[in-house]
Protein backbone atom coordinates (compact mmCIF):
# COMPACT_ATOMS: atom_id res chain seq x y z
CA UNK A 1 35.91 142.46 69.92
CA UNK A 2 38.52 143.53 67.37
CA UNK A 3 39.78 145.89 70.05
CA UNK A 4 40.27 142.89 72.31
CA UNK A 5 42.21 141.04 69.62
CA UNK A 6 44.27 144.07 68.63
CA UNK A 7 45.00 144.92 72.24
CA UNK A 8 46.36 141.45 72.81
CA UNK A 9 48.16 140.79 69.50
CA UNK A 10 48.96 144.35 68.31
CA UNK A 11 48.45 143.43 64.71
CA UNK A 12 46.20 141.04 62.86
CA UNK A 13 48.94 139.23 60.89
CA UNK A 14 49.33 136.58 63.61
CA UNK A 15 45.60 135.99 63.64
CA UNK A 16 45.45 135.78 59.86
CA UNK A 17 48.19 133.12 59.89
CA UNK A 18 46.11 130.77 62.06
CA UNK A 19 44.10 127.89 60.69
CA UNK A 20 40.38 128.47 60.32
CA UNK A 21 39.67 126.32 63.38
CA UNK A 22 42.19 128.19 65.54
CA UNK A 23 41.00 131.53 64.22
CA UNK A 24 37.39 130.73 65.06
CA UNK A 25 38.37 129.55 68.54
CA UNK A 26 40.28 132.79 69.09
CA UNK A 27 37.35 134.82 67.75
CA UNK A 28 34.97 133.00 70.11
CA UNK A 29 37.27 133.62 73.09
CA UNK A 30 37.62 137.31 72.19
CA UNK A 31 33.84 137.62 71.93
CA UNK A 32 33.42 135.99 75.35
CA UNK A 33 35.97 138.38 76.86
CA UNK A 34 34.21 141.34 75.27
CA UNK A 35 30.88 140.25 76.73
CA UNK A 36 32.51 139.73 80.12
CA UNK A 37 34.05 143.22 79.97
CA UNK A 38 30.68 144.79 79.12
CA UNK A 39 29.07 142.84 81.95
CA UNK A 40 31.77 144.12 84.31
CA UNK A 41 31.00 147.71 83.30
CA UNK A 42 27.27 147.12 83.86
CA UNK A 43 27.95 145.47 87.22
CA UNK A 44 30.03 148.46 88.34
CA UNK A 45 27.09 150.76 87.65
CA UNK A 46 24.74 148.41 89.50
CA UNK A 47 27.26 148.03 92.34
CA UNK A 48 27.08 151.74 93.08
CA UNK A 49 23.38 151.29 93.91
CA UNK A 50 23.66 148.00 95.80
CA UNK A 51 23.05 147.70 99.51
CA UNK A 52 24.00 144.88 101.85
CA UNK A 53 20.62 143.31 101.16
CA UNK A 54 20.75 143.63 97.37
CA UNK A 55 24.45 142.88 96.82
CA UNK A 56 25.27 140.34 94.14
CA UNK A 57 28.79 139.21 93.31
CA UNK A 58 30.10 139.77 89.81
CA UNK A 59 30.33 136.03 89.15
CA UNK A 60 26.65 135.59 90.10
CA UNK A 61 25.73 138.65 88.02
CA UNK A 62 27.56 137.18 85.03
CA UNK A 63 25.83 133.81 85.48
CA UNK A 64 22.44 135.55 85.48
CA UNK A 65 23.28 137.40 82.27
CA UNK A 66 24.39 134.21 80.54
CA UNK A 67 21.26 132.27 81.43
CA UNK A 68 18.91 132.09 78.47
CA UNK A 69 15.62 133.81 79.10
CA UNK A 70 12.39 132.34 77.85
CA UNK A 71 9.38 134.54 77.30
CA UNK A 72 6.58 133.76 79.69
CA UNK A 73 3.07 133.24 78.44
CA UNK A 74 0.56 134.05 81.16
CA UNK A 75 -2.43 132.77 79.21
CA UNK A 76 -4.38 129.82 80.53
CA UNK A 77 -4.60 126.58 78.56
CA UNK A 78 -8.16 127.44 77.55
CA UNK A 79 -7.08 130.85 76.24
CA UNK A 80 -4.31 129.27 74.16
CA UNK A 81 -6.68 126.67 72.72
CA UNK A 82 -9.24 129.40 71.95
CA UNK A 83 -6.57 131.47 70.16
CA UNK A 84 -5.50 128.42 68.14
CA UNK A 85 -9.10 127.69 67.15
CA UNK A 86 -9.59 131.32 66.07
CA UNK A 87 -6.46 131.11 63.92
CA UNK A 88 -7.72 127.93 62.27
CA UNK A 89 -11.14 129.54 61.64
CA UNK A 90 -9.55 132.59 60.04
CA UNK A 91 -7.40 130.34 57.83
CA UNK A 92 -10.49 128.45 56.63
CA UNK A 93 -12.26 131.73 55.77
CA UNK A 94 -9.37 132.92 53.64
CA UNK A 95 -9.36 129.77 51.45
């Protein structure tokens, strides 16, 4: 990310002269650009292995990367309740 800022502004004196709010906004933008550049590099590697059927545009690829992922829990409701009851039992034993 510093590379991105230095590449654009050559030296950090301009950045240091900004207000905290402007500096943070610039930092955030540089971070976003860095992430986008890394995603581009990853997409290029994936692109080499894509076929007509598996092709995905870079913009779609980037959207997928930016989507938050939530861990999936494949346990049934009964299994979760059983685990919770076991935790409560073990807590009572340790008192």
